[in-house]
Amino acid sequence: MADINDIPWFKCVGLYGNIVPDTLDSGYRPDHFKPWGAVTFTPRIAGPDNKLDPPEPQFRLTAHTPPITLLLVPFDARIENGVLKLPRLDAPAGENPTPTEIDQQRASVGLDMIANSPALQLTSGYKLVYQVQFGTMKVLGKEHTFESFWFVAPTISDFTTEPTWTPPTIDLTVVERFTPVM
């Protein structure tokens, strides 16, 4: 695999927690429990009426050099100690990241995700959206799940391939929820 550094992206972050009754620690106040669990992101295209196109959107990027067809598929992330992070996956065959590179990726916070932009060549009124689905998490010995939701990927119009360009950040706690038409 290789990074695609000429298609606009954004940073997606999130903090999660549970409040539980006081446990055996100092003080008598409720405790903040930092959960661990899986999260699945599913990219889709929504039309002007917010109706979803079929799963696994394909983009024919005819203006890209060289032209390329991209297929966006669901992908997994994780909540580790209450923080949204990359999944813990081994490097693809043929790639040999250094131990330092592996440690940096495992410690990184948030995810870099494809954004809405002219590069996607979407028809007017169509937009890239993501569904966020949480797996079950154990809290005090019982299973719980955060509610799933949808959001619209931010639109980026000021993208450059310069190393100084900084992607916008969206926080899953405050991002506006999107209601698709099924």
C-alpha atoms as a PDB file:
ATOM      1  CA  MET A   1       0.000   0.000   0.000  1.00  0.00           C
ATOM      2  CA  ALA A   2       1.027   3.586  -0.454  1.00  0.00           C
ATOM      3  CA  ASP A   3      -0.267   6.890   0.813  1.00  0.00           C
ATOM      4  CA  ILE A   4      -2.445   8.868  -1.579  1.00  0.00           C
ATOM      5  CA  ASN A   5      -1.190  12.342  -0.901  1.00  0.00           C
ATOM      6  CA  ASP A   6      -2.895  14.228  -3.715  1.00  0.00           C
ATOM      7  CA  ILE A   7      -6.541  13.633  -2.744  1.00  0.00           C
ATOM      8  CA  PRO A   8      -7.882  15.865   0.060  1.00  0.00           C
ATOM      9  CA  TRP A   9      -8.433  14.303   3.455  1.00  0.00           C
ATOM     10  CA  PHE A  10      -9.431  15.316   6.955  1.00  0.00           C
ATOM     11  CA  LYS A  11      -8.477  14.230  10.470  1.00  0.00           C
ATOM     12  CA  CYS A  12     -11.279  12.489  12.397  1.00  0.00           C
ATOM     13  CA  VAL A  13     -10.908  12.422  16.197  1.00  0.00           C
ATOM     14  CA  GLY A  14     -13.059  11.371  19.136  1.00  0.00           C
ATOM     15  CA  LEU A  15     -12.929  10.903  22.891  1.00  0.00           C
ATOM     16  CA  TYR A  16     -15.242   8.447  24.646  1.00  0.00           C
ATOM     17  CA  GLY A  17     -15.957   7.565  28.235  1.00  0.00           C
ATOM     18  CA  ASN A  18     -18.446   6.240  30.722  1.00  0.00           C
ATOM     19  CA  ILE A  19     -19.288   7.511  34.168  1.00  0.00           C
ATOM     20  CA  VAL A  20     -19.511   4.737  36.741  1.00  0.00           C
ATOM     21  CA  PRO A  21     -20.189   4.793  40.480  1.00  0.00           C
ATOM     22  CA  ASP A  22     -17.163   5.343  42.667  1.00  0.00           C
ATOM     23  CA  THR A  23     -14.732   2.432  42.728  1.00  0.00           C
ATOM     24  CA  LEU A  24     -11.892   1.671  45.111  1.00  0.00           C
ATOM     25  CA  ASP A  25      -9.766   4.701  44.388  1.00  0.00           C
ATOM     26  CA  SER A  26      -9.038   7.904  46.270  1.00  0.00           C
ATOM     27  CA  GLY A  27     -12.115  10.053  46.814  1.00  0.00           C
ATOM     28  CA  TYR A  28     -15.804   9.283  46.763  1.00  0.00           C
ATOM     29  CA  ARG A  29     -16.913  10.784  43.464  1.00  0.00           C
ATOM     30  CA  PRO A  30     -18.110   8.879  40.380  1.00  0.00           C
ATOM     31  CA  ASP A  31     -15.279   7.623  38.174  1.00  0.00           C
ATOM     32  CA  HIS A  32     -14.562   8.255  34.507  1.00  0.00           C
ATOM     33  CA  PHE A  33     -14.120   4.891  32.782  1.00  0.00           C
ATOM     34  CA  LYS A  34     -12.172   4.981  29.491  1.00  0.00           C
ATOM     35  CA  PRO A  35     -13.530   2.214  27.235  1.00  0.00           C
ATOM     36  CA  TRP A  36     -11.889   0.000  24.634  1.00  0.00           C
ATOM     37  CA  GLY A  37     -13.775  -1.189  21.557  1.00  0.00           C
ATOM     38  CA  ALA A  38     -14.131  -1.418  17.794  1.00  0.00           C
ATOM     39  CA  VAL A  39     -15.572   1.189  15.432  1.00  0.00           C
ATOM     40  CA  THR A  40     -16.515   0.635  11.778  1.00  0.00           C
ATOM     41  CA  PHE A  41     -16.664   3.536   9.312  1.00  0.00           C
ATOM     42  CA  THR A  42     -18.737   2.985   6.160  1.00  0.00           C
ATOM     43  CA  PRO A  43     -18.360   5.543   3.345  1.00  0.00           C
ATOM     44  CA  ARG A  44     -21.367   6.184   1.097  1.00  0.00           C
ATOM     45  CA  ILE A  45     -22.536   8.795  -1.390  1.00  0.00           C
ATOM     46  CA  ALA A  46     -25.742  10.716  -0.633  1.00  0.00           C
ATOM     47  CA  GLY A  47     -27.697  12.529  -3.321  1.00  0.00           C
ATOM     48  CA  PRO A  48     -29.391  15.946  -3.162  1.00  0.00           C
ATOM     49  CA  ASP A  49     -32.410  14.289  -1.507  1.00  0.00           C
ATOM     50  CA  ASN A  50     -30.093  12.629   1.088  1.00  0.00           C
ATOM     51  CA  LYS A  51     -30.868   9.232  -0.429  1.00  0.00           C
ATOM     52  CA  LEU A  52     -27.890   6.871  -0.268  1.00  0.00           C
ATOM     53  CA  ASP A  53     -26.338   5.465  -3.420  1.00  0.00           C
ATOM     54  CA  PRO A  54     -25.390   1.761  -3.409  1.00  0.00           C
ATOM     55  CA  PRO A  55     -22.654   0.644  -0.997  1.00  0.00           C
ATOM     56  CA  GLU A  56     -18.942   0.887  -1.765  1.00  0.00           C
ATOM     57  CA  PRO A  57     -18.818   4.101  -3.779  1.00  0.00           C
ATOM     58  CA  GLN A  58     -16.559   4.153  -6.796  1.00  0.00           C
ATOM     59  CA  PHE A  59     -14.866   7.293  -8.028  1.00  0.00           C
ATOM     60  CA  ARG A  60     -13.570   7.557 -11.591  1.00  0.00           C
ATOM     61  CA  LEU A  61     -10.946  10.236 -11.113  1.00  0.00           C
ATOM     62  CA  THR A  62     -10.351  11.141 -14.748  1.00  0.00           C
ATOM     63  CA  ALA A  63      -8.575  14.401 -13.824  1.00  0.00           C
ATOM     64  CA  HIS A  64      -6.098  12.568 -11.561  1.00  0.00           C
ATOM     65  CA  THR A  65      -2.566  11.929 -12.861  1.00  0.00           C
ATOM     66  CA  PRO A  66      -2.630   9.142 -13.825  1.00  0.00           C
ATOM     67  CA  PRO A  67      -6.418   8.589 -14.015  1.00  0.00           C
ATOM     68  CA  ILE A  68      -7.555   6.122 -11.352  1.00  0.00           C
ATOM     69  CA  THR A  69     -10.753   4.449 -10.184  1.00  0.00           C
ATOM     70  CA  LEU A  70     -11.086   4.317  -6.397  1.00  0.00           C
ATOM     71  CA  LEU A  71     -13.383   2.028  -4.431  1.00  0.00           C
ATOM     72  CA  LEU A  72     -14.165   3.202  -0.901  1.00  0.00           C
ATOM     73  CA  VAL A  73     -14.878   0.264   1.397  1.00  0.00           C
ATOM     74  CA  PRO A  74     -15.821   0.045   5.090  1.00  0.00           C
ATOM     75  CA  PHE A  75     -12.851   0.127   7.445  1.00  0.00           C
ATOM     76  CA  ASP A  76     -12.258  -0.504  11.120  1.00  0.00           C
ATOM     77  CA  ALA A  77     -10.750   1.690  13.802  1.00  0.00           C
ATOM     78  CA  ARG A  78     -10.601   1.309  17.564  1.00  0.00           C
ATOM     79  CA  ILE A  79     -11.298   3.162  20.737  1.00  0.00           C
ATOM     80  CA  GLU A  80      -8.365   2.589  23.048  1.00  0.00           C
ATOM     81  CA  ASN A  81      -8.482   4.043  26.538  1.00  0.00           C
ATOM     82  CA  GLY A  82     -11.332   6.272  25.329  1.00  0.00           C
ATOM     83  CA  VAL A  83      -9.423   7.646  22.301  1.00  0.00           C
ATOM     84  CA  LEU A  84     -10.237   7.011  18.601  1.00  0.00           C
ATOM     85  CA  LYS A  85      -7.181   5.456  16.911  1.00  0.00           C
ATOM     86  CA  LEU A  86      -6.013   3.524  13.874  1.00  0.00           C
ATOM     87  CA  PRO A  87      -6.669  -0.225  13.924  1.00  0.00           C
ATOM     88  CA  ARG A  88      -3.836  -2.473  15.036  1.00  0.00           C
ATOM     89  CA  LEU A  89      -3.092  -4.174  11.730  1.00  0.00           C
ATOM     90  CA  ASP A  90       0.079  -5.775  10.456  1.00  0.00           C
ATOM     91  CA  ALA A  91       1.869  -4.122   7.530  1.00  0.00           C
ATOM     92  CA  PRO A  92       0.772  -5.355   4.088  1.00  0.00           C
ATOM     93  CA  ALA A  93       2.914  -7.928   2.303  1.00  0.00           C
ATOM     94  CA  GLY A  94       6.005  -6.377   0.780  1.00  0.00           C
ATOM     95  CA  GLU A  95       6.112  -3.396   3.153  1.00  0.00           C
ATOM     96  CA  ASN A  96       8.679  -3.254   5.916  1.00  0.00           C
ATOM     97  CA  PRO A  97       8.043  -0.315   8.234  1.00  0.00           C
ATOM     98  CA  THR A  98      10.692   0.313  10.853  1.00  0.00           C
ATOM     99  CA  PRO A  99       9.892  -0.360  14.522  1.00  0.00           C
ATOM    100  CA  THR A 100       9.810   3.423  15.043  1.00  0.00           C
ATOM    101  CA  GLU A 101       7.243   3.873  12.224  1.00  0.00           C
ATOM    102  CA  ILE A 102       5.103   1.080  13.672  1.00  0.00           C
ATOM    103  CA  ASP A 103       5.227   2.649  17.145  1.00  0.00           C
ATOM    104  CA  GLN A 104       4.300   6.074  15.732  1.00  0.00           C
ATOM    105  CA  GLN A 105       1.257   4.699  13.915  1.00  0.00           C
ATOM    106  CA  ARG A 106       0.092   2.681  16.910  1.00  0.00           C
ATOM    107  CA  ALA A 107       0.380   5.757  19.138  1.00  0.00           C
ATOM    108  CA  SER A 108      -1.295   8.125  16.663  1.00  0.00           C
ATOM    109  CA  VAL A 109      -4.613   9.690  17.580  1.00  0.00           C
ATOM    110  CA  GLY A 110      -7.483   9.939  15.106  1.00  0.00           C
ATOM    111  CA  LEU A 111      -7.861   8.813  11.514  1.00  0.00           C
ATOM    112  CA  ASP A 112      -7.068  10.453   8.181  1.00  0.00           C
ATOM    113  CA  MET A 113     -10.134  10.026   5.945  1.00  0.00           C
ATOM    114  CA  ILE A 114     -11.110  11.075   2.403  1.00  0.00           C
ATOM    115  CA  ALA A 115     -12.967  14.407   2.293  1.00  0.00           C
ATOM    116  CA  ASN A 116     -15.462  15.900  -0.126  1.00  0.00           C
ATOM    117  CA  SER A 117     -13.564  17.875  -2.752  1.00  0.00           C
ATOM    118  CA  PRO A 118     -13.532  18.678  -6.457  1.00  0.00           C
ATOM    119  CA  ALA A 119     -11.008  15.817  -6.834  1.00  0.00           C
ATOM    120  CA  LEU A 120     -13.837  13.281  -6.309  1.00  0.00           C
ATOM    121  CA  GLN A 121     -15.665  14.656  -9.369  1.00  0.00           C
ATOM    122  CA  LEU A 122     -19.079  14.175  -7.752  1.00  0.00           C
ATOM    123  CA  THR A 123     -22.184  15.382  -9.569  1.00  0.00           C
ATOM    124  CA  SER A 124     -23.578  18.631  -8.152  1.00  0.00           C
ATOM    125  CA  GLY A 125     -25.591  18.029  -4.971  1.00  0.00           C
ATOM    126  CA  TYR A 126     -23.922  14.692  -4.182  1.00  0.00           C
ATOM    127  CA  LYS A 127     -21.674  14.275  -1.154  1.00  0.00           C
ATOM    128  CA  LEU A 128     -19.491  11.744   0.630  1.00  0.00           C
ATOM    129  CA  VAL A 129     -20.930  10.671   3.993  1.00  0.00           C
ATOM    130  CA  TYR A 130     -19.754   8.220   6.635  1.00  0.00           C
ATOM    131  CA  GLN A 131     -21.667   5.904   8.944  1.00  0.00           C
ATOM    132  CA  VAL A 132     -20.025   5.324  12.326  1.00  0.00           C
ATOM    133  CA  GLN A 133     -20.926   2.007  13.997  1.00  0.00           C
ATOM    134  CA  PHE A 134     -19.610   1.118  17.433  1.00  0.00           C
ATOM    135  CA  GLY A 135     -18.928  -2.395  18.640  1.00  0.00           C
ATOM    136  CA  THR A 136     -19.857  -3.524  22.134  1.00  0.00           C
ATOM    137  CA  MET A 137     -17.690  -2.479  25.060  1.00  0.00           C
ATOM    138  CA  LYS A 138     -17.528  -3.964  28.531  1.00  0.00           C
ATOM    139  CA  VAL A 139     -18.120  -1.604  31.422  1.00  0.00           C
ATOM    140  CA  LEU A 140     -18.307  -3.031  34.942  1.00  0.00           C
ATOM    141  CA  GLY A 141     -18.708  -6.527  33.491  1.00  0.00           C
ATOM    142  CA  LYS A 142     -21.669  -5.689  31.211  1.00  0.00           C
ATOM    143  CA  GLU A 143     -21.784  -4.989  27.478  1.00  0.00           C
ATOM    144  CA  HIS A 144     -22.757  -1.524  26.241  1.00  0.00           C
ATOM    145  CA  THR A 145     -22.737   0.199  22.849  1.00  0.00           C
ATOM    146  CA  PHE A 146     -22.590   3.839  21.795  1.00  0.00           C
ATOM    147  CA  GLU A 147     -25.261   4.852  19.255  1.00  0.00           C
ATOM    148  CA  SER A 148     -24.341   4.650  15.583  1.00  0.00           C
ATOM    149  CA  PHE A 149     -24.685   7.763  13.438  1.00  0.00           C
ATOM    150  CA  TRP A 150     -23.895   9.359  10.073  1.00  0.00           C
ATOM    151  CA  PHE A 151     -21.994  12.540   9.213  1.00  0.00           C
ATOM    152  CA  VAL A 152     -21.070  14.423   6.042  1.00  0.00           C
ATOM    153  CA  ALA A 153     -17.362  14.512   5.250  1.00  0.00           C
ATOM    154  CA  PRO A 154     -16.057  18.082   5.282  1.00  0.00           C
ATOM    155  CA  THR A 155     -15.558  19.798   1.937  1.00  0.00           C
ATOM    156  CA  ILE A 156     -12.019  20.915   1.207  1.00  0.00           C
ATOM    157  CA  SER A 157     -11.290  23.511  -1.443  1.00  0.00           C
ATOM    158  CA  ASP A 158      -7.895  24.850  -0.276  1.00  0.00           C
ATOM    159  CA  PHE A 159      -5.929  21.601  -0.586  1.00  0.00           C
ATOM    160  CA  THR A 160      -2.310  21.576  -1.737  1.00  0.00           C
ATOM    161  CA  THR A 161       0.297  18.821  -1.736  1.00  0.00           C
ATOM    162  CA  GLU A 162       2.687  21.085   0.157  1.00  0.00           C
ATOM    163  CA  PRO A 163       3.961  19.500   3.401  1.00  0.00           C
ATOM    164  CA  THR A 164       2.794  22.597   5.296  1.00  0.00           C
ATOM    165  CA  TRP A 165      -0.882  21.980   4.399  1.00  0.00           C
ATOM    166  CA  THR A 166      -2.885  20.974   7.474  1.00  0.00           C
ATOM    167  CA  PRO A 167      -6.109  18.972   7.074  1.00  0.00           C
ATOM    168  CA  PRO A 168      -9.229  20.140   8.907  1.00  0.00           C
ATOM    169  CA  THR A 169     -10.170  18.174  12.022  1.00  0.00           C
ATOM    170  CA  ILE A 170     -13.653  16.970  12.869  1.00  0.00           C
ATOM    171  CA  ASP A 171     -14.556  15.672  16.316  1.00  0.00           C
ATOM    172  CA  LEU A 172     -17.115  12.854  16.353  1.00  0.00           C
ATOM    173  CA  THR A 173     -18.684  14.227  19.539  1.00  0.00           C
ATOM    174  CA  VAL A 174     -19.580  17.592  18.013  1.00  0.00           C
ATOM    175  CA  VAL A 175     -19.880  16.879  14.270  1.00  0.00           C
ATOM    176  CA  GLU A 176     -23.368  17.565  12.936  1.00  0.00           C
ATOM    177  CA  ARG A 177     -25.349  14.360  12.496  1.00  0.00           C
ATOM    178  CA  PHE A 178     -26.645  13.516   9.028  1.00  0.00           C
ATOM    179  CA  THR A 179     -29.932  11.698   8.503  1.00  0.00           C
ATOM    180  CA  PRO A 180     -29.889   9.687   5.279  1.00  0.00           C
ATOM    181  CA  VAL A 181     -32.999   8.627   3.398  1.00  0.00           C
ATOM    182  CA  MET A 182     -32.975   4.850   3.213  1.00  0.00           C
END
